Amino acid sequence: MNESRLDRARVRRFFDLAADSYDESAVLQREVGERMLERLDYVRLEPAVVLDAGCATGRFVRRLGKRYRRARVIGLDLSSAMLRAARRRQGWFGRTPLVTGDLARLPLADGSVDLVFSNFAVQWCDPLDQAMNEFRRVLRPGGLLMFTTFGPDTLHELRTAWGTVDRFSHVSPFPDMHEVGDTVAAVGFSGTVMDMELFTLTYPTVRRLMEDLRAIGARNATRERPRGLTGPRRMAALEAAYERFRTANGVLPATYEVIYGHAWAPEGQPGEVAIPLASIGGKGER
C-alpha cells in the first residue's frame, strides 16, 4: 500500500476551520448530493441503517432521514467542528447519531450498515483503497455503496496556472474514473457502475476562487505543498497565469470532474466463495 500523499491532520484542521463558512460556499457539494439522492430513486433498497460518510454539516443526513424514515441514519465526519455546527443548526439531530471518525478506520461493526452514502469525502482518504475496504467491511451482504469523488481534470486551470509559478503541489492529485472503479472492484464489491460529469463554476478573480476553496475546507494538504504563506509576488504571478482562461463573458472558470460510483457488497461473508452444485462433478469432468 502506498504512503498517503495527504497530511490527514492538516485535512482535519482545515475542515474544522471551515465549519462556520461551509454551508454558504458548498454549492457544488449540494448540487451533486441532490443528484446522488435522485439516483437512489432507481434503486430498490429499504435500509435499516444508513451511513453518511463524510457528512460535513449534515445536510444529507437530514435528507436521507426524510427519504428512509424507518432507517437509523448515522452521520460521520473527520471534523468534530463540522458536527458541532450540525448540532447547533438542526435540533433534529438530537435523535440522530453524529460520530467523529476517519473513513480509513470507521468506528462501526462489521456488516452493520445497509447503505453507505458518501459525497465528496473519499478524495481526502489516501490511498483510496483504505476507505473502500472500510466501506466493504461495514456493509451487510447485499448492501449498497454510493459515492462521489473528483477526477483528474478537477481545477486543471488552477493547477496549470500554479505550474508556471513554481514546482510545488498546490492541487491534490485525483485518480481517473477507471482507477477508482478498479479500486472498488479490487476490494470485493460487485456490480460496480461508474460515470462522470463535468461542472464549471465561474469567478471574477482567482482570489475569489481561493476564498471559496478555503471556505469549504478544500485547501492544500499534500505533503509536497510549499511551506509558508503565498507572498504578493507569487500571488501576482498566479493571477497573471490564470488570465489565459478568462472567457469571453469576462469570468474565470474552475472545472470540476465529478466521478459517481455505486457498487454492491456481495452476498455471503468476505472471503467466502459460492460454487454452484451443478458445477461440481467427478474427477476429469468438464
C-alpha atoms as a PDB file:
ATOM      1  CA  MET A   1       0.000   0.000   0.000  1.00  0.00           C
ATOM      2  CA  ASN A   2       1.393   3.395  -0.959  1.00  0.00           C
ATOM      3  CA  GLU A   3       2.146   6.029   1.642  1.00  0.00           C
ATOM      4  CA  SER A   4      -0.506   8.717   1.845  1.00  0.00           C
ATOM      5  CA  ARG A   5       0.154  11.847  -0.172  1.00  0.00           C
ATOM      6  CA  LEU A   6      -2.089  13.807   2.165  1.00  0.00           C
ATOM      7  CA  ASP A   7      -1.416  15.124   5.651  1.00  0.00           C
ATOM      8  CA  ARG A   8      -4.524  13.848   7.454  1.00  0.00           C
ATOM      9  CA  ALA A   9      -4.035  16.091  10.486  1.00  0.00           C
ATOM     10  CA  ARG A  10      -3.929  19.075   8.149  1.00  0.00           C
ATOM     11  CA  VAL A  11      -7.079  17.898   6.348  1.00  0.00           C
ATOM     12  CA  ARG A  12      -8.909  17.698   9.684  1.00  0.00           C
ATOM     13  CA  ARG A  13      -7.681  21.134  10.758  1.00  0.00           C
ATOM     14  CA  PHE A  14      -8.802  22.783   7.522  1.00  0.00           C
ATOM     15  CA  PHE A  15     -12.302  21.328   7.796  1.00  0.00           C
ATOM     16  CA  ASP A  16     -12.521  22.379  11.433  1.00  0.00           C
ATOM     17  CA  LEU A  17     -11.666  25.941  10.360  1.00  0.00           C
ATOM     18  CA  ALA A  18     -14.289  25.845   7.603  1.00  0.00           C
ATOM     19  CA  ALA A  19     -17.206  24.641   9.729  1.00  0.00           C
ATOM     20  CA  ASP A  20     -18.876  28.058  10.019  1.00  0.00           C
ATOM     21  CA  SER A  21     -18.442  29.027   6.343  1.00  0.00           C
ATOM     22  CA  TYR A  22     -19.066  25.649   4.697  1.00  0.00           C
ATOM     23  CA  ASP A  23     -22.812  25.777   4.067  1.00  0.00           C
ATOM     24  CA  GLU A  24     -22.755  29.112   2.269  1.00  0.00           C
ATOM     25  CA  SER A  25     -19.966  28.095  -0.134  1.00  0.00           C
ATOM     26  CA  ALA A  26     -20.649  24.377  -0.730  1.00  0.00           C
ATOM     27  CA  VAL A  27     -22.644  24.988  -3.931  1.00  0.00           C
ATOM     28  CA  LEU A  28     -21.217  22.054  -5.885  1.00  0.00           C
ATOM     29  CA  GLN A  29     -21.482  19.712  -2.910  1.00  0.00           C
ATOM     30  CA  ARG A  30     -25.192  20.489  -2.568  1.00  0.00           C
ATOM     31  CA  GLU A  31     -25.938  20.062  -6.263  1.00  0.00           C
ATOM     32  CA  VAL A  32     -24.083  16.778  -6.605  1.00  0.00           C
ATOM     33  CA  GLY A  33     -25.537  15.429  -3.374  1.00  0.00           C
ATOM     34  CA  GLU A  34     -29.050  16.099  -4.679  1.00  0.00           C
ATOM     35  CA  ARG A  35     -28.178  14.242  -7.884  1.00  0.00           C
ATOM     36  CA  MET A  36     -27.000  11.303  -5.809  1.00  0.00           C
ATOM     37  CA  LEU A  37     -30.332  11.242  -3.998  1.00  0.00           C
ATOM     38  CA  GLU A  38     -32.135  11.220  -7.352  1.00  0.00           C
ATOM     39  CA  ARG A  39     -30.137   8.166  -8.347  1.00  0.00           C
ATOM     40  CA  LEU A  40     -31.478   6.347  -5.311  1.00  0.00           C
ATOM     41  CA  ASP A  41     -34.940   6.621  -6.901  1.00  0.00           C
ATOM     42  CA  TYR A  42     -33.861   3.843  -9.260  1.00  0.00           C
ATOM     43  CA  VAL A  43     -32.557   1.517  -6.549  1.00  0.00           C
ATOM     44  CA  ARG A  44     -34.762  -0.988  -4.744  1.00  0.00           C
ATOM     45  CA  LEU A  45     -33.466  -0.734  -1.216  1.00  0.00           C
ATOM     46  CA  GLU A  46     -35.122  -0.442   2.188  1.00  0.00           C
ATOM     47  CA  PRO A  47     -32.153   0.085   4.509  1.00  0.00           C
ATOM     48  CA  ALA A  48     -32.371  -0.334   8.256  1.00  0.00           C
ATOM     49  CA  VAL A  49     -29.084   1.531   8.830  1.00  0.00           C
ATOM     50  CA  VAL A  50     -27.667   4.294   6.616  1.00  0.00           C
ATOM     51  CA  LEU A  51     -24.216   5.850   6.962  1.00  0.00           C
ATOM     52  CA  ASP A  52     -23.457   9.301   5.546  1.00  0.00           C
ATOM     53  CA  ALA A  53     -19.675   9.000   5.428  1.00  0.00           C
ATOM     54  CA  GLY A  54     -18.169  12.484   5.350  1.00  0.00           C
ATOM     55  CA  CYS A  55     -21.391  14.267   6.254  1.00  0.00           C
ATOM     56  CA  ALA A  56     -19.912  17.750   6.957  1.00  0.00           C
ATOM     57  CA  THR A  57     -22.686  19.899   8.495  1.00  0.00           C
ATOM     58  CA  GLY A  58     -25.294  17.216   7.940  1.00  0.00           C
ATOM     59  CA  ARG A  59     -27.457  18.404   5.057  1.00  0.00           C
ATOM     60  CA  PHE A  60     -27.710  14.926   3.567  1.00  0.00           C
ATOM     61  CA  VAL A  61     -28.070  13.222   6.924  1.00  0.00           C
ATOM     62  CA  ARG A  62     -31.365  15.124   7.112  1.00  0.00           C
ATOM     63  CA  ARG A  63     -32.288  14.340   3.509  1.00  0.00           C
ATOM     64  CA  LEU A  64     -31.546  10.632   3.944  1.00  0.00           C
ATOM     65  CA  GLY A  65     -33.586  10.587   7.136  1.00  0.00           C
ATOM     66  CA  LYS A  66     -36.585  12.006   5.306  1.00  0.00           C
ATOM     67  CA  ARG A  67     -36.184   9.505   2.462  1.00  0.00           C
ATOM     68  CA  TYR A  68     -35.754   6.463   4.706  1.00  0.00           C
ATOM     69  CA  ARG A  69     -37.988   7.285   7.658  1.00  0.00           C
ATOM     70  CA  ARG A  70     -37.723   3.836   9.211  1.00  0.00           C
ATOM     71  CA  ALA A  71     -33.945   3.735   8.986  1.00  0.00           C
ATOM     72  CA  ARG A  72     -31.366   4.701  11.545  1.00  0.00           C
ATOM     73  CA  VAL A  73     -29.192   7.318   9.816  1.00  0.00           C
ATOM     74  CA  ILE A  74     -25.652   7.895  11.120  1.00  0.00           C
ATOM     75  CA  GLY A  75     -23.614  10.954  10.196  1.00  0.00           C
ATOM     76  CA  LEU A  76     -19.842  10.597  10.330  1.00  0.00           C
ATOM     77  CA  ASP A  77     -17.155  13.179   9.649  1.00  0.00           C
ATOM     78  CA  LEU A  78     -13.446  13.651  10.273  1.00  0.00           C
ATOM     79  CA  SER A  79     -14.115  17.153  11.605  1.00  0.00           C
ATOM     80  CA  SER A  80     -15.691  17.448  15.039  1.00  0.00           C
ATOM     81  CA  ALA A  81     -16.268  21.168  14.344  1.00  0.00           C
ATOM     82  CA  MET A  82     -18.443  20.282  11.344  1.00  0.00           C
ATOM     83  CA  LEU A  83     -20.545  18.027  13.548  1.00  0.00           C
ATOM     84  CA  ARG A  84     -20.857  20.713  16.225  1.00  0.00           C
ATOM     85  CA  ALA A  85     -22.128  23.090  13.527  1.00  0.00           C
ATOM     86  CA  ALA A  86     -24.672  20.453  12.504  1.00  0.00           C
ATOM     87  CA  ARG A  87     -25.929  20.119  16.071  1.00  0.00           C
ATOM     88  CA  ARG A  88     -26.192  23.895  16.536  1.00  0.00           C
ATOM     89  CA  ARG A  89     -28.196  24.410  13.368  1.00  0.00           C
ATOM     90  CA  GLN A  90     -30.600  21.493  13.494  1.00  0.00           C
ATOM     91  CA  GLY A  91     -32.329  20.296  16.642  1.00  0.00           C
ATOM     92  CA  TRP A  92     -33.446  17.273  14.581  1.00  0.00           C
ATOM     93  CA  PHE A  93     -30.011  15.777  15.193  1.00  0.00           C
ATOM     94  CA  GLY A  94     -30.888  15.207  18.835  1.00  0.00           C
ATOM     95  CA  ARG A  95     -32.034  11.696  17.886  1.00  0.00           C
ATOM     96  CA  THR A  96     -29.501  11.098  15.113  1.00  0.00           C
ATOM     97  CA  PRO A  97     -26.016   9.752  15.864  1.00  0.00           C
ATOM     98  CA  LEU A  98     -23.268  12.108  14.701  1.00  0.00           C
ATOM     99  CA  VAL A  99     -19.864  10.485  15.017  1.00  0.00           C
ATOM    100  CA  THR A 100     -16.368  11.870  14.622  1.00  0.00           C
ATOM    101  CA  GLY A 101     -14.390   9.330  12.633  1.00  0.00           C
ATOM    102  CA  ASP A 102     -11.958   8.615   9.835  1.00  0.00           C
ATOM    103  CA  LEU A 103     -13.028   6.857   6.643  1.00  0.00           C
ATOM    104  CA  ALA A 104      -9.855   4.794   6.876  1.00  0.00           C
ATOM    105  CA  ARG A 105     -10.904   3.448  10.314  1.00  0.00           C
ATOM    106  CA  LEU A 106     -14.671   3.528  10.616  1.00  0.00           C
ATOM    107  CA  PRO A 107     -15.839   3.125  14.240  1.00  0.00           C
ATOM    108  CA  LEU A 108     -18.603   0.725  13.198  1.00  0.00           C
ATOM    109  CA  ALA A 109     -19.032  -3.019  13.459  1.00  0.00           C
ATOM    110  CA  ASP A 110     -18.566  -5.393  10.546  1.00  0.00           C
ATOM    111  CA  GLY A 111     -21.725  -5.854   8.486  1.00  0.00           C
ATOM    112  CA  SER A 112     -23.719  -3.242  10.392  1.00  0.00           C
ATOM    113  CA  VAL A 113     -24.824  -0.885   7.573  1.00  0.00           C
ATOM    114  CA  ASP A 114     -27.192  -1.321   4.606  1.00  0.00           C
ATOM    115  CA  LEU A 115     -26.353   1.867   2.676  1.00  0.00           C
ATOM    116  CA  VAL A 116     -23.165   3.931   2.637  1.00  0.00           C
ATOM    117  CA  PHE A 117     -23.708   7.368   1.103  1.00  0.00           C
ATOM    118  CA  SER A 118     -20.521   9.398   0.689  1.00  0.00           C
ATOM    119  CA  ASN A 119     -20.495  12.731  -1.145  1.00  0.00           C
ATOM    120  CA  PHE A 120     -17.040  14.223  -1.902  1.00  0.00           C
ATOM    121  CA  ALA A 121     -15.231  12.620   1.017  1.00  0.00           C
ATOM    122  CA  VAL A 122     -13.157   9.698  -0.275  1.00  0.00           C
ATOM    123  CA  GLN A 123     -10.676  12.005  -2.046  1.00  0.00           C
ATOM    124  CA  TRP A 124      -9.490  13.038   1.423  1.00  0.00           C
ATOM    125  CA  CYS A 125      -8.620   9.427   2.253  1.00  0.00           C
ATOM    126  CA  ASP A 126      -5.384   8.415   0.532  1.00  0.00           C
ATOM    127  CA  PRO A 127      -4.739   5.701  -0.558  1.00  0.00           C
ATOM    128  CA  LEU A 128      -8.317   5.283  -1.757  1.00  0.00           C
ATOM    129  CA  ASP A 129      -8.464   1.571  -1.007  1.00  0.00           C
ATOM    130  CA  GLN A 130      -8.401   2.328   2.723  1.00  0.00           C
ATOM    131  CA  ALA A 131     -11.851   3.913   2.563  1.00  0.00           C
ATOM    132  CA  MET A 132     -13.183   1.326   0.128  1.00  0.00           C
ATOM    133  CA  ASN A 133     -12.026  -1.546   2.317  1.00  0.00           C
ATOM    134  CA  GLU A 134     -13.764   0.017   5.300  1.00  0.00           C
ATOM    135  CA  PHE A 135     -16.988   0.561   3.353  1.00  0.00           C
ATOM    136  CA  ARG A 136     -16.843  -3.081   2.276  1.00  0.00           C
ATOM    137  CA  ARG A 137     -16.276  -4.196   5.869  1.00  0.00           C
ATOM    138  CA  VAL A 138     -19.193  -2.306   7.433  1.00  0.00           C
ATOM    139  CA  LEU A 139     -21.736  -3.085   4.714  1.00  0.00           C
ATOM    140  CA  ARG A 140     -24.026  -6.063   5.147  1.00  0.00           C
ATOM    141  CA  PRO A 141     -24.180  -8.624   2.339  1.00  0.00           C
ATOM    142  CA  GLY A 142     -26.262  -7.050  -0.418  1.00  0.00           C
ATOM    143  CA  GLY A 143     -25.640  -3.542   0.949  1.00  0.00           C
ATOM    144  CA  LEU A 144     -25.117  -0.563  -1.352  1.00  0.00           C
ATOM    145  CA  LEU A 145     -22.224   1.889  -1.612  1.00  0.00           C
ATOM    146  CA  MET A 146     -22.970   5.171  -3.377  1.00  0.00           C
ATOM    147  CA  PHE A 147     -20.247   7.807  -3.546  1.00  0.00           C
ATOM    148  CA  THR A 148     -18.776  10.741  -5.440  1.00  0.00           C
ATOM    149  CA  THR A 149     -15.214  11.939  -5.751  1.00  0.00           C
ATOM    150  CA  PHE A 150     -13.131  14.170  -8.009  1.00  0.00           C
ATOM    151  CA  GLY A 151     -11.344  13.176 -11.205  1.00  0.00           C
ATOM    152  CA  PRO A 152      -8.018  14.423 -12.607  1.00  0.00           C
ATOM    153  CA  ASP A 153      -9.467  17.349 -14.598  1.00  0.00           C
ATOM    154  CA  THR A 154     -10.652  18.980 -11.381  1.00  0.00           C
ATOM    155  CA  LEU A 155      -9.224  22.504 -11.008  1.00  0.00           C
ATOM    156  CA  HIS A 156      -6.955  21.925 -14.002  1.00  0.00           C
ATOM    157  CA  GLU A 157      -6.915  25.682 -14.628  1.00  0.00           C
ATOM    158  CA  LEU A 158      -5.566  26.363 -11.141  1.00  0.00           C
ATOM    159  CA  ARG A 159      -3.052  23.517 -11.398  1.00  0.00           C
ATOM    160  CA  THR A 160      -1.814  24.787 -14.782  1.00  0.00           C
ATOM    161  CA  ALA A 161      -1.512  28.371 -13.570  1.00  0.00           C
ATOM    162  CA  TRP A 162       0.437  27.349 -10.471  1.00  0.00           C
ATOM    163  CA  GLY A 163       2.697  25.242 -12.687  1.00  0.00           C
ATOM    164  CA  THR A 164       4.023  28.433 -14.280  1.00  0.00           C
ATOM    165  CA  VAL A 165       4.849  29.912 -10.866  1.00  0.00           C
ATOM    166  CA  ASP A 166       6.670  27.087  -9.049  1.00  0.00           C
ATOM    167  CA  ARG A 167       7.054  23.309  -8.949  1.00  0.00           C
ATOM    168  CA  PHE A 168       5.274  22.640  -5.673  1.00  0.00           C
ATOM    169  CA  SER A 169       1.999  20.738  -5.322  1.00  0.00           C
ATOM    170  CA  HIS A 170      -0.937  23.151  -4.975  1.00  0.00           C
ATOM    171  CA  VAL A 171      -3.879  20.964  -6.052  1.00  0.00           C
ATOM    172  CA  SER A 172      -4.460  17.446  -4.768  1.00  0.00           C
ATOM    173  CA  PRO A 173      -3.903  14.679  -7.354  1.00  0.00           C
ATOM    174  CA  PHE A 174      -7.059  12.752  -8.229  1.00  0.00           C
ATOM    175  CA  PRO A 175      -7.277   9.281  -9.836  1.00  0.00           C
ATOM    176  CA  ASP A 176      -9.295   8.841 -13.011  1.00  0.00           C
ATOM    177  CA  MET A 177     -12.663   7.088 -13.189  1.00  0.00           C
ATOM    178  CA  HIS A 178     -11.181   3.766 -14.305  1.00  0.00           C
ATOM    179  CA  GLU A 179      -8.665   3.726 -11.442  1.00  0.00           C
ATOM    180  CA  VAL A 180     -11.433   4.430  -8.948  1.00  0.00           C
ATOM    181  CA  GLY A 181     -13.604   1.670 -10.420  1.00  0.00           C
ATOM    182  CA  ASP A 182     -10.717  -0.787 -10.350  1.00  0.00           C
ATOM    183  CA  THR A 183     -10.104   0.003  -6.676  1.00  0.00           C
ATOM    184  CA  VAL A 184     -13.769  -0.534  -5.794  1.00  0.00           C
ATOM    185  CA  ALA A 185     -13.802  -3.897  -7.574  1.00  0.00           C
ATOM    186  CA  ALA A 186     -10.446  -4.959  -6.134  1.00  0.00           C
ATOM    187  CA  VAL A 187     -11.636  -4.723  -2.520  1.00  0.00           C
ATOM    188  CA  GLY A 188     -14.521  -7.093  -3.225  1.00  0.00           C
ATOM    189  CA  PHE A 189     -17.522  -5.064  -4.367  1.00  0.00           C
ATOM    190  CA  SER A 190     -19.687  -6.339  -7.214  1.00  0.00           C
ATOM    191  CA  GLY A 191     -21.892  -4.685  -9.814  1.00  0.00           C
ATOM    192  CA  THR A 192     -19.699  -1.602  -9.872  1.00  0.00           C
ATOM    193  CA  VAL A 193     -21.035   1.232 -12.046  1.00  0.00           C
ATOM    194  CA  MET A 194     -19.010   4.384 -12.665  1.00  0.00           C
ATOM    195  CA  ASP A 195     -19.768   7.545 -14.615  1.00  0.00           C
ATOM    196  CA  MET A 196     -18.540  11.113 -14.816  1.00  0.00           C
ATOM    197  CA  GLU A 197     -19.859  14.643 -15.200  1.00  0.00           C
ATOM    198  CA  LEU A 198     -18.078  17.972 -15.708  1.00  0.00           C
ATOM    199  CA  PHE A 199     -19.141  21.094 -13.832  1.00  0.00           C
ATOM    200  CA  THR A 200     -17.784  24.604 -14.283  1.00  0.00           C
ATOM    201  CA  LEU A 201     -18.034  27.279 -11.596  1.00  0.00           C
ATOM    202  CA  THR A 202     -17.064  30.843 -12.505  1.00  0.00           C
ATOM    203  CA  TYR A 203     -15.372  33.609 -10.566  1.00  0.00           C
ATOM    204  CA  PRO A 204     -14.433  37.238 -11.173  1.00  0.00           C
ATOM    205  CA  THR A 205     -10.913  36.697  -9.793  1.00  0.00           C
ATOM    206  CA  VAL A 206      -8.552  33.932  -8.699  1.00  0.00           C
ATOM    207  CA  ARG A 207      -8.707  35.277  -5.170  1.00  0.00           C
ATOM    208  CA  ARG A 208     -12.449  34.639  -5.048  1.00  0.00           C
ATOM    209  CA  LEU A 209     -11.901  31.056  -6.180  1.00  0.00           C
ATOM    210  CA  MET A 210      -9.306  30.505  -3.488  1.00  0.00           C
ATOM    211  CA  GLU A 211     -11.557  32.100  -0.869  1.00  0.00           C
ATOM    212  CA  ASP A 212     -14.332  29.664  -1.817  1.00  0.00           C
ATOM    213  CA  LEU A 213     -11.970  26.705  -1.553  1.00  0.00           C
ATOM    214  CA  ARG A 214     -10.850  27.829   1.902  1.00  0.00           C
ATOM    215  CA  ALA A 215     -14.474  28.354   2.952  1.00  0.00           C
ATOM    216  CA  ILE A 216     -15.312  24.686   2.345  1.00  0.00           C
ATOM    217  CA  GLY A 217     -12.027  23.364   3.779  1.00  0.00           C
ATOM    218  CA  ALA A 218     -10.620  22.308   0.393  1.00  0.00           C
ATOM    219  CA  ARG A 219      -7.127  23.623   0.990  1.00  0.00           C
ATOM    220  CA  ASN A 220      -3.739  22.229   0.075  1.00  0.00           C
ATOM    221  CA  ALA A 221      -2.982  19.279   2.349  1.00  0.00           C
ATOM    222  CA  THR A 222      -0.488  17.488   0.099  1.00  0.00           C
ATOM    223  CA  ARG A 223       2.834  16.568   1.656  1.00  0.00           C
ATOM    224  CA  GLU A 224       4.615  18.233  -1.290  1.00  0.00           C
ATOM    225  CA  ARG A 225       2.947  21.587  -0.634  1.00  0.00           C
ATOM    226  CA  PRO A 226       5.056  24.761  -0.294  1.00  0.00           C
ATOM    227  CA  ARG A 227       5.795  25.811   3.268  1.00  0.00           C
ATOM    228  CA  GLY A 228       4.924  29.322   4.341  1.00  0.00           C
ATOM    229  CA  LEU A 229       2.459  31.880   3.042  1.00  0.00           C
ATOM    230  CA  THR A 230       1.930  32.825  -0.584  1.00  0.00           C
ATOM    231  CA  GLY A 231       3.695  36.165  -0.973  1.00  0.00           C
ATOM    232  CA  PRO A 232       2.364  39.059  -3.089  1.00  0.00           C
ATOM    233  CA  ARG A 233       4.836  38.388  -5.903  1.00  0.00           C
ATOM    234  CA  ARG A 234       3.838  34.741  -6.308  1.00  0.00           C
ATOM    235  CA  MET A 235       0.158  35.638  -6.000  1.00  0.00           C
ATOM    236  CA  ALA A 236       0.501  38.226  -8.754  1.00  0.00           C
ATOM    237  CA  ALA A 237       2.228  35.640 -10.944  1.00  0.00           C
ATOM    238  CA  LEU A 238      -0.616  33.188 -10.315  1.00  0.00           C
ATOM    239  CA  GLU A 239      -3.238  35.784 -11.226  1.00  0.00           C
ATOM    240  CA  ALA A 240      -1.426  36.658 -14.431  1.00  0.00           C
ATOM    241  CA  ALA A 241      -1.106  32.986 -15.422  1.00  0.00           C
ATOM    242  CA  TYR A 242      -4.801  32.282 -14.741  1.00  0.00           C
ATOM    243  CA  GLU A 243      -5.860  35.126 -17.054  1.00  0.00           C
ATOM    244  CA  ARG A 244      -5.350  32.903 -20.092  1.00  0.00           C
ATOM    245  CA  PHE A 245      -8.530  31.060 -19.068  1.00  0.00           C
ATOM    246  CA  ARG A 246     -10.763  34.138 -18.818  1.00  0.00           C
ATOM    247  CA  THR A 247     -13.805  33.658 -21.026  1.00  0.00           C
ATOM    248  CA  ALA A 248     -15.476  35.996 -23.493  1.00  0.00           C
ATOM    249  CA  ASN A 249     -18.021  36.709 -20.756  1.00  0.00           C
ATOM    250  CA  GLY A 250     -15.243  38.068 -18.571  1.00  0.00           C
ATOM    251  CA  VAL A 251     -15.195  35.338 -15.920  1.00  0.00           C
ATOM    252  CA  LEU A 252     -12.609  32.824 -14.793  1.00  0.00           C
ATOM    253  CA  PRO A 253     -13.711  29.161 -14.979  1.00  0.00           C
ATOM    254  CA  ALA A 254     -12.944  26.466 -12.425  1.00  0.00           C
ATOM    255  CA  THR A 255     -13.595  22.962 -13.752  1.00  0.00           C
ATOM    256  CA  TYR A 256     -14.657  20.049 -11.561  1.00  0.00           C
ATOM    257  CA  GLU A 257     -14.634  16.493 -12.872  1.00  0.00           C
ATOM    258  CA  VAL A 258     -17.160  14.644 -10.733  1.00  0.00           C
ATOM    259  CA  ILE A 259     -16.978  10.862 -10.600  1.00  0.00           C
ATOM    260  CA  TYR A 260     -20.073   8.953  -9.470  1.00  0.00           C
ATOM    261  CA  GLY A 261     -19.850   5.377  -8.321  1.00  0.00           C
ATOM    262  CA  HIS A 262     -22.119   2.754  -6.888  1.00  0.00           C
ATOM    263  CA  ALA A 263     -21.444  -0.861  -6.052  1.00  0.00           C
ATOM    264  CA  TRP A 264     -22.904  -3.706  -4.016  1.00  0.00           C
ATOM    265  CA  ALA A 265     -21.447  -5.733  -1.195  1.00  0.00           C
ATOM    266  CA  PRO A 266     -21.737  -9.316  -2.454  1.00  0.00           C
ATOM    267  CA  GLU A 267     -23.953 -11.827  -0.704  1.00  0.00           C
ATOM    268  CA  GLY A 268     -22.047 -14.003   1.745  1.00  0.00           C
ATOM    269  CA  GLN A 269     -19.264 -13.112   4.117  1.00  0.00           C
ATOM    270  CA  PRO A 270     -15.950 -11.650   2.930  1.00  0.00           C
ATOM    271  CA  GLY A 271     -13.685 -14.453   1.794  1.00  0.00           C
ATOM    272  CA  GLU A 272     -16.486 -16.921   1.045  1.00  0.00           C
ATOM    273  CA  VAL A 273     -16.659 -18.425  -2.432  1.00  0.00           C
ATOM    274  CA  ALA A 274     -20.012 -19.736  -3.645  1.00  0.00           C
ATOM    275  CA  ILE A 275     -19.740 -22.712  -6.012  1.00  0.00           C
ATOM    276  CA  PRO A 276     -22.928 -23.876  -7.733  1.00  0.00           C
ATOM    277  CA  LEU A 277     -23.650 -27.535  -7.042  1.00  0.00           C
ATOM    278  CA  ALA A 278     -24.170 -28.145 -10.755  1.00  0.00           C
ATOM    279  CA  SER A 279     -20.556 -27.263 -11.397  1.00  0.00           C
ATOM    280  CA  ILE A 280     -19.235 -29.953  -9.038  1.00  0.00           C
ATOM    281  CA  GLY A 281     -18.513 -33.242 -10.774  1.00  0.00           C
ATOM    282  CA  GLY A 282     -16.175 -36.205 -10.647  1.00  0.00           C
ATOM    283  CA  LYS A 283     -12.508 -36.054 -11.422  1.00  0.00           C
ATOM    284  CA  GLY A 284     -11.828 -35.100 -15.008  1.00  0.00           C
ATOM    285  CA  GLU A 285     -15.394 -33.928 -15.773  1.00  0.00           C
ATOM    286  CA  ARG A 286     -15.984 -30.806 -17.874  1.00  0.00           C
END
